[in-house]
Amino acid sequence: MKASEADILIVPGYKNSGPDHWQSRWQSRLRTARRVEQAEWAKPVREDWIRRLVEDVEKATRPVVLVAHSLGVAASIHAAPEIAGKVAGAFFVAPPDVANPKIRPKHFMTFGPYPREPLPFPSVVVASRNDPFGSYEHADDIAAAWGSLLLDAGHSGHIDTDSGHGPWPEGTMVFARFLSRLRPA
């Protein structure tokens, strides 16, 4: 599948993705990409985030490819049963451990626990070995449960602007390869 053949939904996490974040950069470069806008970025409500994501998927006119980061991964996973028929694939980056009470902010826990059923569409999970919001072992466990391909990003923090991942050319290459292997939903 080519980017022009898909509606690419950018699904940011907690507090949205700023202008230098790789998600924002991808959105500006991909003609068919649009952001799932949440009413409340700083105090996320799981049901609201899921509902908004489902609404945006339902508006799509082409097969949907999700590009989710952090808490956006959690919203996408919870929405999966409702959006399965329109989603061709999902690219998940830095999934937080939403069931770990030691992870801050506590808003993350309202999105837990993750469902552990296999996803109804192909997916990739990109995880770091030193993500402050979730361990690599946790990402490995949930990726296996979902039937996702796990990609090791090494010591890359939360794979966001703070960890130096504004442009993130490696991510662009991995996403392009993933996209090329997808078939319409």
Protein backbone atom coordinates (compact mmCIF):
# COMPACT_ATOMS: atom_id res chain seq x y z
CA MET A 1 0.00 0.00 0.00
CA LYS A 2 1.14 3.53 -0.74
CA ALA A 3 0.53 6.47 1.60
CA SER A 4 -1.75 7.98 -1.06
CA GLU A 5 -3.98 4.90 -0.85
CA ALA A 6 -4.59 5.20 2.90
CA ASP A 7 -6.05 7.59 5.41
CA ILE A 8 -3.18 7.88 7.87
CA LEU A 9 -4.44 8.79 11.31
CA ILE A 10 -1.86 10.33 13.63
CA VAL A 11 -2.84 9.39 17.19
CA PRO A 12 -0.76 11.42 19.67
CA GLY A 13 -0.40 10.67 23.34
CA TYR A 14 -0.63 12.64 26.54
CA LYS A 15 -0.38 16.42 25.95
CA ASN A 16 -0.40 15.96 22.15
CA SER A 17 2.68 16.01 19.91
CA GLY A 18 4.32 19.41 19.49
CA PRO A 19 5.49 20.90 16.18
CA ASP A 20 8.96 19.31 16.38
CA HIS A 21 7.69 15.81 17.30
CA TRP A 22 8.12 13.16 14.63
CA GLN A 23 4.32 12.66 14.44
CA SER A 24 3.79 16.33 13.56
CA ARG A 25 6.57 16.20 10.99
CA TRP A 26 5.10 13.09 9.39
CA GLN A 27 1.65 14.67 9.34
CA SER A 28 2.97 17.72 7.49
CA ARG A 29 4.76 15.54 4.90
CA LEU A 30 2.08 12.93 4.26
CA ARG A 31 -0.75 14.35 2.19
CA THR A 32 -3.32 11.81 3.42
CA ALA A 33 -2.40 12.14 7.11
CA ARG A 34 -4.54 13.87 9.69
CA ARG A 35 -4.38 14.10 13.46
CA VAL A 36 -6.96 12.67 15.82
CA GLU A 37 -7.71 15.77 17.90
CA GLN A 38 -8.73 15.21 21.50
CA ALA A 39 -10.82 17.68 23.50
CA GLU A 40 -8.59 17.27 26.55
CA TRP A 41 -4.92 16.49 26.03
CA ALA A 42 -3.68 17.12 29.59
CA LYS A 43 -6.44 15.24 31.46
CA PRO A 44 -7.27 12.38 29.13
CA VAL A 45 -10.47 10.39 29.59
CA ARG A 46 -10.22 6.93 28.09
CA GLU A 47 -13.80 6.72 26.82
CA ASP A 48 -13.57 10.18 25.20
CA TRP A 49 -10.28 9.36 23.47
CA ILE A 50 -11.63 6.05 22.18
CA ARG A 51 -14.87 7.65 20.95
CA ARG A 52 -12.97 10.37 19.08
CA LEU A 53 -10.66 7.84 17.44
CA VAL A 54 -13.62 5.68 16.37
CA GLU A 55 -15.35 8.76 14.91
CA ASP A 56 -12.27 9.68 12.89
CA VAL A 57 -11.85 6.13 11.59
CA GLU A 58 -15.51 6.06 10.56
CA LYS A 59 -15.01 9.30 8.56
CA ALA A 60 -12.18 7.75 6.55
CA THR A 61 -12.76 7.21 2.86
CA ARG A 62 -9.76 4.91 2.34
CA PRO A 63 -8.26 2.09 4.40
CA VAL A 64 -6.91 3.49 7.67
CA VAL A 65 -3.37 3.21 8.95
CA LEU A 66 -2.91 4.26 12.57
CA VAL A 67 0.32 5.95 13.66
CA ALA A 68 0.06 6.05 17.44
CA HIS A 69 2.50 7.24 20.08
CA SER A 70 2.42 6.62 23.83
CA LEU A 71 -1.10 7.01 25.26
CA GLY A 72 -2.38 7.10 21.69
CA VAL A 73 -1.35 3.43 21.50
CA ALA A 74 -3.58 2.66 24.50
CA ALA A 75 -6.55 4.49 22.96
CA SER A 76 -6.00 2.61 19.68
CA ILE A 77 -5.82 -0.78 21.36
CA HIS A 78 -9.04 -0.18 23.28
CA ALA A 79 -10.76 1.00 20.08
CA ALA A 80 -9.53 -1.97 17.99
CA PRO A 81 -12.71 -4.08 18.18
CA GLU A 82 -14.81 -1.16 16.92
CA ILE A 83 -12.49 -0.09 14.08
CA ALA A 84 -11.23 -3.46 12.86
CA GLY A 85 -13.07 -3.42 9.53
CA LYS A 86 -11.54 -0.14 8.36
CA VAL A 87 -7.99 -0.40 9.73
CA ALA A 88 -5.39 -1.88 7.38
CA GLY A 89 -2.58 -1.65 9.93
CA ALA A 90 -1.17 0.11 12.97
CA PHE A 91 2.27 1.51 13.74
CA PHE A 92 2.58 1.75 17.54
CA VAL A 93 5.49 3.64 19.12
CA ALA A 94 6.49 3.71 22.80
CA PRO A 95 3.47 2.05 24.40
CA PRO A 96 3.30 3.07 28.06
CA ASP A 97 2.76 0.54 30.81
CA VAL A 98 -0.77 1.64 31.69
CA ALA A 99 -1.10 -0.91 34.50
CA ASN A 100 2.05 0.09 36.42
CA PRO A 101 1.15 2.29 39.43
CA LYS A 102 4.73 3.63 39.54
CA ILE A 103 4.45 5.26 36.11
CA ARG A 104 3.58 8.94 36.10
CA PRO A 105 1.39 10.72 35.24
CA LYS A 106 -1.34 8.71 36.92
CA HIS A 107 -3.68 9.50 34.00
CA PHE A 108 -1.97 6.64 32.18
CA MET A 109 -3.50 4.09 34.55
CA THR A 110 -7.03 5.11 33.54
CA PHE A 111 -6.22 3.55 30.16
CA GLY A 112 -5.24 0.21 31.66
CA PRO A 113 -5.05 -2.63 31.58
CA TYR A 114 -4.46 -3.35 27.93
CA PRO A 115 -6.65 -5.95 26.25
CA ARG A 116 -4.51 -8.98 25.44
CA GLU A 117 -6.44 -10.38 22.48
CA PRO A 118 -4.67 -10.57 19.13
CA LEU A 119 -5.33 -7.47 17.03
CA PRO A 120 -7.59 -7.83 13.98
CA PHE A 121 -5.08 -6.01 11.75
CA PRO A 122 -1.30 -6.11 11.18
CA SER A 123 0.75 -4.06 13.60
CA VAL A 124 4.25 -3.09 14.60
CA VAL A 125 5.33 -2.03 18.09
CA VAL A 126 8.49 0.08 18.30
CA ALA A 127 9.88 0.10 21.84
CA SER A 128 12.89 1.54 23.61
CA ARG A 129 15.01 -0.17 26.21
CA ASN A 130 15.00 2.90 28.49
CA ASP A 131 11.52 4.35 28.06
CA PRO A 132 10.55 6.01 31.36
CA PHE A 133 6.87 5.18 30.73
CA GLY A 134 7.22 1.45 30.10
CA SER A 135 9.85 -1.25 30.10
CA TYR A 136 11.03 -3.07 27.01
CA GLU A 137 9.95 -6.33 28.65
CA HIS A 138 6.42 -4.97 29.01
CA ALA A 139 6.38 -3.91 25.35
CA ASP A 140 7.63 -7.37 24.35
CA ASP A 141 4.86 -9.03 26.37
CA ILE A 142 2.01 -6.94 24.98
CA ALA A 143 3.33 -7.06 21.42
CA ALA A 144 3.33 -10.86 21.64
CA ALA A 145 -0.23 -10.88 23.00
CA TRP A 146 -1.42 -8.59 20.19
CA GLY A 147 0.40 -10.55 17.48
CA SER A 148 2.49 -7.47 16.67
CA LEU A 149 6.00 -7.39 15.32
CA LEU A 150 8.25 -5.88 18.02
CA LEU A 151 11.08 -3.66 16.86
CA ASP A 152 13.89 -2.79 19.28
CA ALA A 153 14.71 0.94 19.16
CA GLY A 154 17.66 0.50 21.50
CA HIS A 155 18.18 3.14 24.17
CA SER A 156 15.88 5.80 22.71
CA GLY A 157 13.96 7.09 25.70
CA HIS A 158 10.28 7.73 24.98
CA ILE A 159 10.96 8.20 21.25
CA ASP A 160 9.80 11.80 21.36
CA THR A 161 11.22 15.29 21.02
CA ASP A 162 12.76 15.16 24.51
CA SER A 163 14.76 12.09 23.53
CA GLY A 164 15.96 13.69 20.28
CA HIS A 165 13.36 12.11 18.00
CA GLY A 166 12.06 15.08 16.10
CA PRO A 167 12.94 14.07 12.54
CA TRP A 168 13.41 10.34 13.36
CA PRO A 169 14.58 9.18 9.91
CA GLU A 170 14.90 5.54 11.09
CA GLY A 171 11.23 5.58 12.04
CA THR A 172 10.29 7.00 8.64
CA MET A 173 12.10 4.13 6.91
CA VAL A 174 10.50 1.48 9.12
CA PHE A 175 7.04 3.00 8.64
CA ALA A 176 7.49 3.13 4.84
CA ARG A 177 8.44 -0.54 4.77
CA PHE A 178 5.51 -1.48 7.03
CA LEU A 179 3.12 0.53 4.85
CA SER A 180 4.41 -1.12 1.66
CA ARG A 181 3.44 -4.55 3.05
CA LEU A 182 -0.13 -3.65 3.98
CA ARG A 183 -3.22 -4.60 2.01
CA PRO A 184 -6.50 -2.67 2.15
CA ALA A 185 -8.77 -3.61 5.07
